[in-house]
Protein backbone atom coordinates (compact mmCIF):
# COMPACT_ATOMS: atom_id res chain seq x y z
CA MET A 1 45.74 147.85 104.54
CA SER A 2 43.71 147.22 107.65
CA ALA A 3 42.44 143.91 108.59
CA VAL A 4 39.14 143.03 110.40
CA ALA A 5 39.29 140.74 113.26
CA ASN A 6 36.62 137.89 113.39
CA PRO A 7 35.67 137.26 116.83
CA VAL A 8 34.20 133.82 116.06
CA ARG A 9 37.50 133.04 115.73
CA GLY A 10 38.77 134.60 118.94
CA GLU A 11 40.54 137.40 117.13
CA ALA A 12 41.16 140.82 118.62
CA SER A 13 41.88 144.08 116.89
CA LEU A 14 44.70 146.57 117.73
CA ARG A 15 45.59 149.66 115.92
CA VAL A 16 49.14 150.65 115.48
CA ALA A 17 50.14 153.83 113.59
CA GLY A 18 46.68 154.17 112.23
CA GLU A 19 46.38 150.65 110.92
CA MET A 20 44.10 148.15 112.51
CA LEU A 21 46.03 144.75 113.10
CA VAL A 22 44.54 141.35 113.70
CA LEU A 23 45.58 139.30 116.95
CA ARG A 24 44.67 135.71 116.71
CA PRO A 25 45.38 133.31 119.65
CA SER A 26 46.27 130.31 117.55
CA PHE A 27 47.61 127.17 118.97
CA ALA A 28 51.23 128.17 117.65
CA ALA A 29 50.91 131.55 118.89
CA LEU A 30 50.18 130.68 122.31
CA VAL A 31 52.68 127.96 122.51
CA ALA A 32 55.54 130.35 121.29
CA ALA A 33 54.31 133.06 123.74
CA GLU A 34 54.23 130.42 126.62
CA GLY A 35 57.89 129.72 125.40
CA GLU A 36 58.63 133.11 126.16
CA LEU A 37 56.53 134.15 128.86
CA GLY A 38 56.06 130.96 130.95
CA PRO A 39 52.61 129.38 131.61
CA LEU A 40 49.98 131.18 130.27
CA PHE A 41 47.70 130.41 133.55
CA ALA A 42 50.05 132.45 135.37
CA LEU A 43 50.10 135.12 132.96
CA VAL A 44 46.42 135.40 133.07
CA GLU A 45 46.94 135.47 137.21
CA ARG A 46 49.20 138.17 136.72
CA ALA A 47 46.88 140.18 134.48
CA ALA A 48 43.91 139.78 137.08
CA GLU A 49 46.11 141.13 139.95
CA GLY A 50 47.35 143.82 137.96
CA ARG A 51 50.88 142.70 137.70
CA LEU A 52 50.99 142.15 133.89
CA ALA A 53 54.03 143.99 132.54
CA LEU A 54 53.91 145.93 129.20
CA GLY A 55 56.77 143.71 127.84
CA GLU A 56 54.44 140.77 128.60
CA MET A 57 51.61 142.03 127.18
CA VAL A 58 53.53 143.26 123.88
CA ALA A 59 55.02 139.75 123.85
CA LEU A 60 51.79 138.18 123.87
CA PHE A 61 50.50 140.53 121.19
CA TRP A 62 53.54 139.95 118.95
CA HIS A 63 53.19 136.18 119.00
CA CYS A 64 49.27 136.57 118.10
CA LEU A 65 49.75 139.09 115.50
CA CYS A 66 48.47 138.05 111.93
CA ASP A 67 50.00 139.09 108.93
CA ARG A 68 52.52 141.39 110.43
CA PRO A 69 53.02 144.60 107.99
CA ALA A 70 56.17 145.15 106.40
CA GLY A 71 58.76 147.05 108.60
CA LEU A 72 56.64 146.57 112.18
CA THR A 73 59.51 145.46 114.52
CA ARG A 74 58.26 144.27 118.01
CA GLU A 75 60.04 147.22 119.64
CA GLY A 76 57.57 149.25 116.98
CA LEU A 77 54.56 147.61 118.13
CA GLY A 78 55.80 148.09 121.76
CA GLU A 79 56.10 151.81 121.14
CA ALA A 80 52.93 151.99 119.31
CA VAL A 81 51.01 150.33 122.46
CA ALA A 82 52.70 152.60 124.91
CA ALA A 83 52.31 155.79 123.06
CA GLN A 84 48.47 155.15 122.52
CA GLY A 85 48.15 154.32 126.31
CA LEU A 86 47.36 151.23 127.82
CA THR A 87 43.64 151.86 127.93
CA ALA A 88 43.55 151.62 124.10
CA ALA A 89 45.12 147.96 124.32
CA MET A 90 43.01 146.76 127.04
CA PRO A 91 40.15 145.53 124.81
CA ALA A 92 42.41 143.36 122.77
CA LEU A 93 44.24 142.32 125.99
CA ARG A 94 41.00 141.07 127.45
CA LEU A 95 39.83 139.23 124.48
CA LEU A 96 43.23 137.29 124.32
CA LEU A 97 43.26 136.57 127.89
CA GLY A 98 39.44 135.39 127.70
CA GLN A 99 40.49 133.04 125.11
CA ILE A 100 43.36 131.61 126.57
CA MET A 101 41.13 130.59 129.45
CA ALA A 102 38.08 129.47 127.39
CA GLY A 103 39.45 127.94 124.72
CA ARG A 104 37.53 127.39 121.46
């Protein structure tokens, strides 16, 4: 079942295996991402400089993912992002990075 992102809540959509997933940059999700990836401001800086690694993007998506579909693994999410190309993931990444910087 595909979900619909609510941009008012700062949510982004990401299509994986034909299903729309919702990414929500909640406090808990961002704390978890920061615990793994380091300071979020540095993450945003790396992204702005074009130095954000694919693994970092997938980690941010994984931590912000709402209602993970049964059977979806982090590796599977990474494979899906790589298979569809980085351009397809950019709108979701931009929205999440904007929310990190702007807050709600």
